[in-house]
C-alpha atoms as a PDB file:
ATOM      1  CA  MET A   1     -11.384  -0.958  16.930  1.00  0.00           C
ATOM      2  CA  ARG A   2      -9.619  -3.398  14.293  1.00  0.00           C
ATOM      3  CA  PRO A   3      -5.820  -2.028  13.374  1.00  0.00           C
ATOM      4  CA  LEU A   4      -5.057  -0.580   9.721  1.00  0.00           C
ATOM      5  CA  TRP A   5      -3.207  -2.773   7.508  1.00  0.00           C
ATOM      6  CA  ARG A   6      -0.531  -0.607   7.296  1.00  0.00           C
ATOM      7  CA  ASP A   7      -0.237  -0.551  11.169  1.00  0.00           C
ATOM      8  CA  LEU A   8      -0.079  -4.908  10.886  1.00  0.00           C
ATOM      9  CA  ILE A   9       2.397  -4.609   7.899  1.00  0.00           C
ATOM     10  CA  LEU A  10       4.863  -2.142  10.200  1.00  0.00           C
ATOM     11  CA  LYS A  11       4.547  -4.310  13.084  1.00  0.00           C
ATOM     12  CA  VAL A  12       5.527  -7.586  11.823  1.00  0.00           C
ATOM     13  CA  TRP A  13       7.748  -6.630   8.969  1.00  0.00           C
ATOM     14  CA  GLY A  14       9.251  -3.275  10.211  1.00  0.00           C
ATOM     15  CA  GLY A  15       8.883  -1.430   6.844  1.00  0.00           C
ATOM     16  CA  ASP A  16       5.911   0.969   5.765  1.00  0.00           C
ATOM     17  CA  PRO A  17       4.438  -0.528   2.649  1.00  0.00           C
ATOM     18  CA  LEU A  18       2.928   3.119   1.622  1.00  0.00           C
ATOM     19  CA  GLN A  19       6.699   4.599   1.377  1.00  0.00           C
ATOM     20  CA  CYS A  20       8.387   4.967  -1.563  1.00  0.00           C
ATOM     21  CA  PRO A  21      11.809   3.113  -1.760  1.00  0.00           C
ATOM     22  CA  CYS A  22      13.362   5.917  -3.863  1.00  0.00           C
ATOM     23  CA  CYS A  23      12.755   9.417  -2.354  1.00  0.00           C
ATOM     24  CA  LYS A  24      11.584   7.769   1.182  1.00  0.00           C
ATOM     25  CA  GLY A  25       8.058  10.114   0.986  1.00  0.00           C
ATOM     26  CA  THR A  26       4.356   9.003   1.496  1.00  0.00           C
ATOM     27  CA  THR A  27       2.758   7.026  -1.383  1.00  0.00           C
ATOM     28  CA  MET A  28      -0.840   7.680  -2.195  1.00  0.00           C
ATOM     29  CA  PRO A  29      -2.933   4.481  -2.596  1.00  0.00           C
ATOM     30  CA  VAL A  30      -4.728   4.183  -5.633  1.00  0.00           C
ATOM     31  CA  ARG A  31      -8.301   2.906  -6.052  1.00  0.00           C
ATOM     32  CA  LYS A  32      -8.867   2.038  -9.734  1.00  0.00           C
ATOM     33  CA  VAL A  33     -10.503  -0.900 -11.029  1.00  0.00           C
ATOM     34  CA  LEU A  34     -10.124  -2.085 -14.501  1.00  0.00           C
ATOM     35  CA  PRO A  35     -12.487  -4.101 -16.090  1.00  0.00           C
ATOM     36  CA  PRO A  36     -10.976  -7.459 -17.220  1.00  0.00           C
ATOM     37  CA  LYS A  37     -11.187  -7.095 -20.612  1.00  0.00           C
ATOM     38  CA  ALA A  38      -8.390  -3.933 -19.778  1.00  0.00           C
ATOM     39  CA  ILE A  39      -5.902  -6.323 -18.187  1.00  0.00           C
ATOM     40  CA  SER A  40      -5.090  -9.095 -20.734  1.00  0.00           C
END
């Protein structure tokens, strides 16, 4: 079983990528995909 990307970042960098820097709460990843025209 492969480790989760969050666990790898915690192990290597020592910081939680999903932790809010302001309130220290756990953030929720958003899986929204934008069409290329909406980005530019």
